[in-house]
Amino acid sequence: MDLKFGDIQETALIPLAIKASETSRPNARIKDLKAKEIIDALGVDVSKYDPFMSHEGVIARTILYRDKLKELLKQYPDAVCINLGCGFDDKFSQVDNGKLRWFDVDLPDQIAVRRKVYKDRDRCTMMDGDALDGSWTKNIPKAAMYIIVMEGVLEYFSKDQVKTCLNMLCDSFPHGYLLAELHSPFMEKNSKHHDAVKYTNATFGWGTRSGKEYLELEPRLTFLSETSYNEEMKKYSIRGKLFSIIGKNINNRLAVYRW
């Protein structure tokens, strides 16, 4: 694997390090062999990207996205799924039903690095694309249903950028579902105190108290549901349970929309 430490944006290292760490545990809640392979190949200490609360948050996020995708794919088994801002994420392996068509989309420099690690697979294709510019969408095949996955992307966008992205998706696809990771106004103001993000140069963008705030930016959307990562995190540890009480409205959420 021709991959160097500098090839990977630091924000992408956080979920990679966590998924690799979890995969190595005897009672792993998720298995991501590709994340482990990447971290092992880098041969550097990434432990600072794997503190307890971020670890539990990424595992909760992975499980919630996986389960929601599987639920939607039972209803729409032939859907076209787009992992927009995919980084090194490999959701396709977690949810493939043998029928869906999957596109891993990210900025050209990120896809170039991703190609050092992944190859295109049957029904799973990598593609250059920008969440703020829909020109790439013309290369997506026609489908009865589109499912757009945005994990760890929108929380780095300003309010105007979120609006641009939502408008682009609704303009480009006649109908679909959006699975979006949202964060709170508290997190927007406290990037420097996040237990893993503080080690990167990243800063959080616009935070919302409710996923319904997205409807003001794109009225074609219908808000379906919103689940705090606390709901998953509290199942596994006392600290997770405590945080679900103390940080009730602070943790990130998975919001689901339809248009």
C-alpha atoms as a PDB file:
ATOM      1  CA  MET A   1       0.000   0.000   0.000  1.00  0.00           C
ATOM      2  CA  ASP A   2       1.642   3.200  -1.239  1.00  0.00           C
ATOM      3  CA  LEU A   3       0.337   5.472   1.492  1.00  0.00           C
ATOM      4  CA  LYS A   4       2.195   8.014   3.626  1.00  0.00           C
ATOM      5  CA  PHE A   5       1.101   9.782   6.803  1.00  0.00           C
ATOM      6  CA  GLY A   6       0.857  13.127   4.997  1.00  0.00           C
ATOM      7  CA  ASP A   7      -1.527  11.672   2.419  1.00  0.00           C
ATOM      8  CA  ILE A   8      -4.401  11.608   4.890  1.00  0.00           C
ATOM      9  CA  GLN A   9      -6.188  14.700   6.148  1.00  0.00           C
ATOM     10  CA  GLU A  10      -6.103  14.704   9.930  1.00  0.00           C
ATOM     11  CA  THR A  11      -9.903  14.749  10.251  1.00  0.00           C
ATOM     12  CA  ALA A  12      -9.985  11.526   8.206  1.00  0.00           C
ATOM     13  CA  LEU A  13      -7.451   9.954  10.572  1.00  0.00           C
ATOM     14  CA  ILE A  14      -9.869  10.197  13.512  1.00  0.00           C
ATOM     15  CA  PRO A  15     -12.529   7.718  12.300  1.00  0.00           C
ATOM     16  CA  LEU A  16      -9.830   5.537  10.699  1.00  0.00           C
ATOM     17  CA  ALA A  17      -7.871   5.244  13.955  1.00  0.00           C
ATOM     18  CA  ILE A  18     -11.037   4.537  15.943  1.00  0.00           C
ATOM     19  CA  LYS A  19     -12.419   1.918  13.548  1.00  0.00           C
ATOM     20  CA  ALA A  20      -9.022   0.199  13.406  1.00  0.00           C
ATOM     21  CA  SER A  21      -8.747   0.207  17.198  1.00  0.00           C
ATOM     22  CA  GLU A  22     -12.265  -1.200  17.631  1.00  0.00           C
ATOM     23  CA  THR A  23     -11.681  -3.882  14.977  1.00  0.00           C
ATOM     24  CA  SER A  24      -8.671  -5.143  16.975  1.00  0.00           C
ATOM     25  CA  ARG A  25     -10.715  -5.627  20.148  1.00  0.00           C
ATOM     26  CA  PRO A  26     -11.870  -9.131  21.094  1.00  0.00           C
ATOM     27  CA  ASN A  27     -15.552  -8.141  21.323  1.00  0.00           C
ATOM     28  CA  ALA A  28     -15.539  -5.579  18.515  1.00  0.00           C
ATOM     29  CA  ARG A  29     -18.905  -3.886  17.942  1.00  0.00           C
ATOM     30  CA  ILE A  30     -17.953  -3.135  14.351  1.00  0.00           C
ATOM     31  CA  LYS A  31     -15.399  -4.683  12.010  1.00  0.00           C
ATOM     32  CA  ASP A  32     -13.547  -2.503   9.513  1.00  0.00           C
ATOM     33  CA  LEU A  33     -10.618  -4.498   8.190  1.00  0.00           C
ATOM     34  CA  LYS A  34      -9.742  -1.828   5.625  1.00  0.00           C
ATOM     35  CA  ALA A  35      -9.366   0.837   8.352  1.00  0.00           C
ATOM     36  CA  LYS A  36      -7.060  -1.503  10.263  1.00  0.00           C
ATOM     37  CA  GLU A  37      -5.053  -2.218   7.115  1.00  0.00           C
ATOM     38  CA  ILE A  38      -4.618   1.526   6.448  1.00  0.00           C
ATOM     39  CA  ILE A  39      -3.572   2.376  10.019  1.00  0.00           C
ATOM     40  CA  ASP A  40      -1.177  -0.597  10.131  1.00  0.00           C
ATOM     41  CA  ALA A  41       0.348   0.488   6.799  1.00  0.00           C
ATOM     42  CA  LEU A  42       0.935   4.040   8.045  1.00  0.00           C
ATOM     43  CA  GLY A  43       3.021   2.653  10.898  1.00  0.00           C
ATOM     44  CA  VAL A  44       2.588   5.726  13.089  1.00  0.00           C
ATOM     45  CA  ASP A  45       1.121   6.255  16.530  1.00  0.00           C
ATOM     46  CA  VAL A  46      -2.413   7.553  16.050  1.00  0.00           C
ATOM     47  CA  SER A  47      -3.540   7.021  19.649  1.00  0.00           C
ATOM     48  CA  LYS A  48      -4.197  10.746  20.178  1.00  0.00           C
ATOM     49  CA  TYR A  49      -6.998  10.455  17.607  1.00  0.00           C
ATOM     50  CA  ASP A  50      -8.668   7.702  19.636  1.00  0.00           C
ATOM     51  CA  PRO A  51      -9.785   9.164  23.007  1.00  0.00           C
ATOM     52  CA  PHE A  52     -12.671   7.440  24.800  1.00  0.00           C
ATOM     53  CA  MET A  53     -15.570   9.778  23.982  1.00  0.00           C
ATOM     54  CA  SER A  54     -14.638  10.191  20.317  1.00  0.00           C
ATOM     55  CA  HIS A  55     -14.159   6.424  20.092  1.00  0.00           C
ATOM     56  CA  GLU A  56     -17.636   5.782  21.445  1.00  0.00           C
ATOM     57  CA  GLY A  57     -19.118   8.490  19.213  1.00  0.00           C
ATOM     58  CA  VAL A  58     -17.612   7.096  16.003  1.00  0.00           C
ATOM     59  CA  ILE A  59     -18.733   3.549  16.876  1.00  0.00           C
ATOM     60  CA  ALA A  60     -22.264   4.808  17.642  1.00  0.00           C
ATOM     61  CA  ARG A  61     -22.306   6.776  14.390  1.00  0.00           C
ATOM     62  CA  THR A  62     -21.133   3.790  12.365  1.00  0.00           C
ATOM     63  CA  ILE A  63     -23.816   1.538  13.848  1.00  0.00           C
ATOM     64  CA  LEU A  64     -26.632   4.103  13.455  1.00  0.00           C
ATOM     65  CA  TYR A  65     -25.764   4.847   9.811  1.00  0.00           C
ATOM     66  CA  ARG A  66     -25.408   1.159   8.991  1.00  0.00           C
ATOM     67  CA  ASP A  67     -28.746   0.237  10.538  1.00  0.00           C
ATOM     68  CA  LYS A  68     -30.634   3.138   8.906  1.00  0.00           C
ATOM     69  CA  LEU A  69     -29.135   2.304   5.513  1.00  0.00           C
ATOM     70  CA  LYS A  70     -30.103  -1.352   5.853  1.00  0.00           C
ATOM     71  CA  GLU A  71     -33.629  -0.300   6.805  1.00  0.00           C
ATOM     72  CA  LEU A  72     -33.957   1.926   3.715  1.00  0.00           C
ATOM     73  CA  LEU A  73     -32.443  -0.717   1.448  1.00  0.00           C
ATOM     74  CA  LYS A  74     -35.104  -3.218   2.514  1.00  0.00           C
ATOM     75  CA  GLN A  75     -37.616  -0.748   1.100  1.00  0.00           C
ATOM     76  CA  TYR A  76     -35.519   0.250  -1.945  1.00  0.00           C
ATOM     77  CA  PRO A  77     -33.144  -2.663  -2.692  1.00  0.00           C
ATOM     78  CA  ASP A  78     -32.154  -1.249  -6.116  1.00  0.00           C
ATOM     79  CA  ALA A  79     -31.371   2.265  -4.858  1.00  0.00           C
ATOM     80  CA  VAL A  80     -28.387   4.292  -5.969  1.00  0.00           C
ATOM     81  CA  CYS A  81     -26.415   5.217  -2.835  1.00  0.00           C
ATOM     82  CA  ILE A  82     -23.934   8.091  -2.774  1.00  0.00           C
ATOM     83  CA  ASN A  83     -21.433   8.473   0.071  1.00  0.00           C
ATOM     84  CA  LEU A  84     -20.750  12.180  -0.410  1.00  0.00           C
ATOM     85  CA  GLY A  85     -17.518  13.300   1.244  1.00  0.00           C
ATOM     86  CA  CYS A  86     -16.606   9.632   1.711  1.00  0.00           C
ATOM     87  CA  GLY A  87     -12.992  10.067   2.857  1.00  0.00           C
ATOM     88  CA  PHE A  88     -11.806   6.523   3.605  1.00  0.00           C
ATOM     89  CA  ASP A  89     -15.196   5.260   4.742  1.00  0.00           C
ATOM     90  CA  ASP A  90     -16.328   1.845   3.488  1.00  0.00           C
ATOM     91  CA  LYS A  91     -20.066   1.705   4.136  1.00  0.00           C
ATOM     92  CA  PHE A  92     -20.635  -0.345   0.983  1.00  0.00           C
ATOM     93  CA  SER A  93     -19.108  -3.424   2.646  1.00  0.00           C
ATOM     94  CA  GLN A  94     -21.388  -2.986   5.669  1.00  0.00           C
ATOM     95  CA  VAL A  95     -24.686  -2.767   3.774  1.00  0.00           C
ATOM     96  CA  ASP A  96     -24.264  -4.381   0.338  1.00  0.00           C
ATOM     97  CA  ASN A  97     -27.394  -6.371  -0.522  1.00  0.00           C
ATOM     98  CA  GLY A  98     -26.149  -7.663  -3.877  1.00  0.00           C
ATOM     99  CA  LYS A  99     -28.306  -5.194  -5.862  1.00  0.00           C
ATOM    100  CA  LEU A 100     -27.600  -1.610  -4.861  1.00  0.00           C
ATOM    101  CA  ARG A 101     -25.315   0.673  -6.878  1.00  0.00           C
ATOM    102  CA  TRP A 102     -22.883   2.636  -4.716  1.00  0.00           C
ATOM    103  CA  PHE A 103     -20.767   5.724  -5.459  1.00  0.00           C
ATOM    104  CA  ASP A 104     -17.991   6.965  -3.158  1.00  0.00           C
ATOM    105  CA  VAL A 105     -17.676  10.670  -3.966  1.00  0.00           C
ATOM    106  CA  ASP A 106     -15.146  13.206  -2.676  1.00  0.00           C
ATOM    107  CA  LEU A 107     -12.868  16.011  -3.829  1.00  0.00           C
ATOM    108  CA  PRO A 108     -10.298  14.972  -6.477  1.00  0.00           C
ATOM    109  CA  ASP A 109      -7.286  15.057  -4.121  1.00  0.00           C
ATOM    110  CA  GLN A 110      -9.093  12.835  -1.584  1.00  0.00           C
ATOM    111  CA  ILE A 111     -10.241  10.363  -4.251  1.00  0.00           C
ATOM    112  CA  ALA A 112      -6.667  10.203  -5.614  1.00  0.00           C
ATOM    113  CA  VAL A 113      -5.453   9.113  -2.161  1.00  0.00           C
ATOM    114  CA  ARG A 114      -8.425   6.786  -1.685  1.00  0.00           C
ATOM    115  CA  ARG A 115      -7.457   5.009  -4.919  1.00  0.00           C
ATOM    116  CA  LYS A 116      -4.148   4.054  -3.263  1.00  0.00           C
ATOM    117  CA  VAL A 117      -6.170   1.998  -0.790  1.00  0.00           C
ATOM    118  CA  TYR A 118      -9.360   0.959  -2.606  1.00  0.00           C
ATOM    119  CA  LYS A 119     -10.174  -0.334  -6.068  1.00  0.00           C
ATOM    120  CA  ASP A 120     -13.497   0.129  -7.805  1.00  0.00           C
ATOM    121  CA  ARG A 121     -15.684  -2.912  -7.148  1.00  0.00           C
ATOM    122  CA  ASP A 122     -18.698  -4.403  -8.822  1.00  0.00           C
ATOM    123  CA  ARG A 123     -21.508  -1.868  -8.166  1.00  0.00           C
ATOM    124  CA  CYS A 124     -19.166   0.324  -6.085  1.00  0.00           C
ATOM    125  CA  THR A 125     -17.436   3.170  -7.939  1.00  0.00           C
ATOM    126  CA  MET A 126     -15.234   6.061  -6.820  1.00  0.00           C
ATOM    127  CA  MET A 127     -15.912   9.469  -8.342  1.00  0.00           C
ATOM    128  CA  ASP A 128     -14.557  13.020  -8.063  1.00  0.00           C
ATOM    129  CA  GLY A 129     -17.219  15.380  -6.801  1.00  0.00           C
ATOM    130  CA  ASP A 130     -17.841  18.455  -4.680  1.00  0.00           C
ATOM    131  CA  ALA A 131     -20.690  18.678  -2.156  1.00  0.00           C
ATOM    132  CA  LEU A 132     -21.079  22.359  -3.144  1.00  0.00           C
ATOM    133  CA  ASP A 133     -21.161  21.853  -6.934  1.00  0.00           C
ATOM    134  CA  GLY A 134     -23.474  19.387  -8.655  1.00  0.00           C
ATOM    135  CA  SER A 135     -21.615  18.986 -11.980  1.00  0.00           C
ATOM    136  CA  TRP A 136     -20.574  15.411 -11.043  1.00  0.00           C
ATOM    137  CA  THR A 137     -24.189  14.316 -10.572  1.00  0.00           C
ATOM    138  CA  LYS A 138     -24.733  14.034 -14.343  1.00  0.00           C
ATOM    139  CA  ASN A 139     -22.501  10.924 -14.217  1.00  0.00           C
ATOM    140  CA  ILE A 140     -24.780   9.195 -11.712  1.00  0.00           C
ATOM    141  CA  PRO A 141     -27.165   6.707 -13.387  1.00  0.00           C
ATOM    142  CA  LYS A 142     -30.937   7.233 -13.315  1.00  0.00           C
ATOM    143  CA  ALA A 143     -32.674   5.398 -10.498  1.00  0.00           C
ATOM    144  CA  ALA A 144     -36.079   5.067  -8.849  1.00  0.00           C
ATOM    145  CA  MET A 145     -34.518   6.100  -5.527  1.00  0.00           C
ATOM    146  CA  TYR A 146     -31.351   7.865  -4.409  1.00  0.00           C
ATOM    147  CA  ILE A 147     -29.901   7.641  -0.896  1.00  0.00           C
ATOM    148  CA  ILE A 148     -27.307  10.282  -0.038  1.00  0.00           C
ATOM    149  CA  VAL A 149     -25.003   9.627   2.932  1.00  0.00           C
ATOM    150  CA  MET A 150     -23.149  12.578   4.485  1.00  0.00           C
ATOM    151  CA  GLU A 151     -21.181  11.537   7.553  1.00  0.00           C
ATOM    152  CA  GLY A 152     -18.598  13.869   9.096  1.00  0.00           C
ATOM    153  CA  VAL A 153     -19.076  16.472   6.335  1.00  0.00           C
ATOM    154  CA  LEU A 154     -21.814  19.013   7.002  1.00  0.00           C
ATOM    155  CA  GLU A 155     -20.538  19.885  10.472  1.00  0.00           C
ATOM    156  CA  TYR A 156     -17.548  21.603   8.840  1.00  0.00           C
ATOM    157  CA  PHE A 157     -19.791  23.751   6.572  1.00  0.00           C
ATOM    158  CA  SER A 158     -21.061  27.278   7.164  1.00  0.00           C
ATOM    159  CA  LYS A 159     -24.825  27.839   7.053  1.00  0.00           C
ATOM    160  CA  ASP A 160     -24.534  29.191   3.498  1.00  0.00           C
ATOM    161  CA  GLN A 161     -22.535  26.126   2.424  1.00  0.00           C
ATOM    162  CA  VAL A 162     -25.123  23.790   3.979  1.00  0.00           C
ATOM    163  CA  LYS A 163     -27.830  25.617   1.998  1.00  0.00           C
ATOM    164  CA  THR A 164     -25.798  25.344  -1.222  1.00  0.00           C
ATOM    165  CA  CYS A 165     -25.331  21.604  -0.656  1.00  0.00           C
ATOM    166  CA  LEU A 166     -29.001  20.911   0.136  1.00  0.00           C
ATOM    167  CA  ASN A 167     -30.181  22.953  -2.863  1.00  0.00           C
ATOM    168  CA  MET A 168     -27.715  21.105  -5.112  1.00  0.00           C
ATOM    169  CA  LEU A 169     -28.954  17.679  -3.979  1.00  0.00           C
ATOM    170  CA  CYS A 170     -32.626  18.546  -4.496  1.00  0.00           C
ATOM    171  CA  ASP A 171     -31.855  20.133  -7.889  1.00  0.00           C
ATOM    172  CA  SER A 172     -29.762  17.169  -9.058  1.00  0.00           C
ATOM    173  CA  PHE A 173     -31.906  14.215  -7.979  1.00  0.00           C
ATOM    174  CA  PRO A 174     -35.692  14.119  -8.500  1.00  0.00           C
ATOM    175  CA  HIS A 175     -36.249  12.388  -5.161  1.00  0.00           C
ATOM    176  CA  GLY A 176     -34.215  10.751  -2.468  1.00  0.00           C
ATOM    177  CA  TYR A 177     -33.242  10.375   1.160  1.00  0.00           C
ATOM    178  CA  LEU A 178     -30.469  12.258   2.932  1.00  0.00           C
ATOM    179  CA  LEU A 179     -28.703  10.792   5.973  1.00  0.00           C
ATOM    180  CA  ALA A 180     -26.891  13.755   7.532  1.00  0.00           C
ATOM    181  CA  GLU A 181     -24.651  14.139  10.563  1.00  0.00           C
ATOM    182  CA  LEU A 182     -25.584  17.270  12.509  1.00  0.00           C
ATOM    183  CA  HIS A 183     -23.904  18.934  15.470  1.00  0.00           C
ATOM    184  CA  SER A 184     -24.972  21.495  18.072  1.00  0.00           C
ATOM    185  CA  PRO A 185     -24.277  25.237  18.441  1.00  0.00           C
ATOM    186  CA  PHE A 186     -22.191  24.264  21.496  1.00  0.00           C
ATOM    187  CA  MET A 187     -19.882  22.154  19.297  1.00  0.00           C
ATOM    188  CA  GLU A 188     -19.726  24.944  16.715  1.00  0.00           C
ATOM    189  CA  LYS A 189     -18.177  27.188  19.364  1.00  0.00           C
ATOM    190  CA  ASN A 190     -15.906  24.528  20.907  1.00  0.00           C
ATOM    191  CA  SER A 191     -13.879  22.831  18.142  1.00  0.00           C
ATOM    192  CA  LYS A 192     -10.705  23.567  20.121  1.00  0.00           C
ATOM    193  CA  HIS A 193     -11.986  21.549  23.078  1.00  0.00           C
ATOM    194  CA  HIS A 194     -13.106  18.457  21.134  1.00  0.00           C
ATOM    195  CA  ASP A 195     -11.053  15.528  22.425  1.00  0.00           C
ATOM    196  CA  ALA A 196      -9.841  14.477  18.946  1.00  0.00           C
ATOM    197  CA  VAL A 197     -10.538  17.394  16.563  1.00  0.00           C
ATOM    198  CA  LYS A 198      -8.385  19.696  18.751  1.00  0.00           C
ATOM    199  CA  TYR A 199      -5.339  17.835  17.370  1.00  0.00           C
ATOM    200  CA  THR A 200      -6.216  18.951  13.819  1.00  0.00           C
ATOM    201  CA  ASN A 201      -6.561  22.328  12.100  1.00  0.00           C
ATOM    202  CA  ALA A 202     -10.271  21.730  11.467  1.00  0.00           C
ATOM    203  CA  THR A 203     -13.011  23.920  12.909  1.00  0.00           C
ATOM    204  CA  PHE A 204     -16.703  23.116  13.131  1.00  0.00           C
ATOM    205  CA  GLY A 205     -19.188  25.097  11.071  1.00  0.00           C
ATOM    206  CA  TRP A 206     -22.863  25.893  11.618  1.00  0.00           C
ATOM    207  CA  GLY A 207     -24.502  23.990  14.477  1.00  0.00           C
ATOM    208  CA  THR A 208     -28.237  23.349  14.873  1.00  0.00           C
ATOM    209  CA  ARG A 209     -30.512  22.644  17.824  1.00  0.00           C
ATOM    210  CA  SER A 210     -32.877  20.648  15.614  1.00  0.00           C
ATOM    211  CA  GLY A 211     -32.670  19.033  12.200  1.00  0.00           C
ATOM    212  CA  LYS A 212     -35.817  20.964  11.312  1.00  0.00           C
ATOM    213  CA  GLU A 213     -33.603  24.041  10.880  1.00  0.00           C
ATOM    214  CA  TYR A 214     -32.498  22.554   7.541  1.00  0.00           C
ATOM    215  CA  LEU A 215     -36.052  22.966   6.193  1.00  0.00           C
ATOM    216  CA  GLU A 216     -35.635  26.758   6.221  1.00  0.00           C
ATOM    217  CA  LEU A 217     -32.712  26.359   3.807  1.00  0.00           C
ATOM    218  CA  GLU A 218     -34.365  23.833   1.478  1.00  0.00           C
ATOM    219  CA  PRO A 219     -38.197  23.656   1.667  1.00  0.00           C
ATOM    220  CA  ARG A 220     -38.323  20.635  -0.666  1.00  0.00           C
ATOM    221  CA  LEU A 221     -36.970  18.516   2.195  1.00  0.00           C
ATOM    222  CA  THR A 222     -39.228  16.634   4.594  1.00  0.00           C
ATOM    223  CA  PHE A 223     -37.768  15.991   8.056  1.00  0.00           C
ATOM    224  CA  LEU A 224     -38.271  12.338   9.046  1.00  0.00           C
ATOM    225  CA  SER A 225     -36.207  11.613  12.143  1.00  0.00           C
ATOM    226  CA  GLU A 226     -33.252  12.602  14.289  1.00  0.00           C
ATOM    227  CA  THR A 227     -31.274  10.304  16.599  1.00  0.00           C
ATOM    228  CA  SER A 228     -28.593  11.455  19.034  1.00  0.00           C
ATOM    229  CA  TYR A 229     -25.469   9.312  19.138  1.00  0.00           C
ATOM    230  CA  ASN A 230     -26.154   9.206  22.879  1.00  0.00           C
ATOM    231  CA  GLU A 231     -28.901   6.648  22.167  1.00  0.00           C
ATOM    232  CA  GLU A 232     -26.254   4.159  21.044  1.00  0.00           C
ATOM    233  CA  MET A 233     -23.397   5.265  23.316  1.00  0.00           C
ATOM    234  CA  LYS A 234     -25.389   4.814  26.527  1.00  0.00           C
ATOM    235  CA  LYS A 235     -25.776   1.079  25.824  1.00  0.00           C
ATOM    236  CA  TYR A 236     -22.109   0.273  26.392  1.00  0.00           C
ATOM    237  CA  SER A 237     -20.624   2.113  29.367  1.00  0.00           C
ATOM    238  CA  ILE A 238     -21.334   4.110  32.500  1.00  0.00           C
ATOM    239  CA  ARG A 239     -19.503   7.067  30.965  1.00  0.00           C
ATOM    240  CA  GLY A 240     -21.711   6.826  27.896  1.00  0.00           C
ATOM    241  CA  LYS A 241     -24.801   6.718  30.111  1.00  0.00           C
ATOM    242  CA  LEU A 242     -23.632   9.731  32.124  1.00  0.00           C
ATOM    243  CA  PHE A 243     -22.803  11.729  29.017  1.00  0.00           C
ATOM    244  CA  SER A 244     -26.271  11.022  27.604  1.00  0.00           C
ATOM    245  CA  ILE A 245     -27.634  12.852  30.672  1.00  0.00           C
ATOM    246  CA  ILE A 246     -25.025  15.608  31.111  1.00  0.00           C
ATOM    247  CA  GLY A 247     -24.506  16.183  27.389  1.00  0.00           C
ATOM    248  CA  LYS A 248     -28.090  15.515  26.378  1.00  0.00           C
ATOM    249  CA  ASN A 249     -28.245  18.237  23.713  1.00  0.00           C
ATOM    250  CA  ILE A 250     -24.535  18.387  22.875  1.00  0.00           C
ATOM    251  CA  ASN A 251     -23.784  15.153  21.040  1.00  0.00           C
ATOM    252  CA  ASN A 252     -24.012  14.788  17.259  1.00  0.00           C
ATOM    253  CA  ARG A 253     -27.109  13.358  15.642  1.00  0.00           C
ATOM    254  CA  LEU A 254     -28.116  11.347  12.606  1.00  0.00           C
ATOM    255  CA  ALA A 255     -30.936  13.223  10.841  1.00  0.00           C
ATOM    256  CA  VAL A 256     -32.953  11.657   8.010  1.00  0.00           C
ATOM    257  CA  TYR A 257     -34.708  13.680   5.307  1.00  0.00           C
ATOM    258  CA  ARG A 258     -36.721  12.851   2.193  1.00  0.00           C
ATOM    259  CA  TRP A 259     -37.617  14.887  -0.869  1.00  0.00           C
END
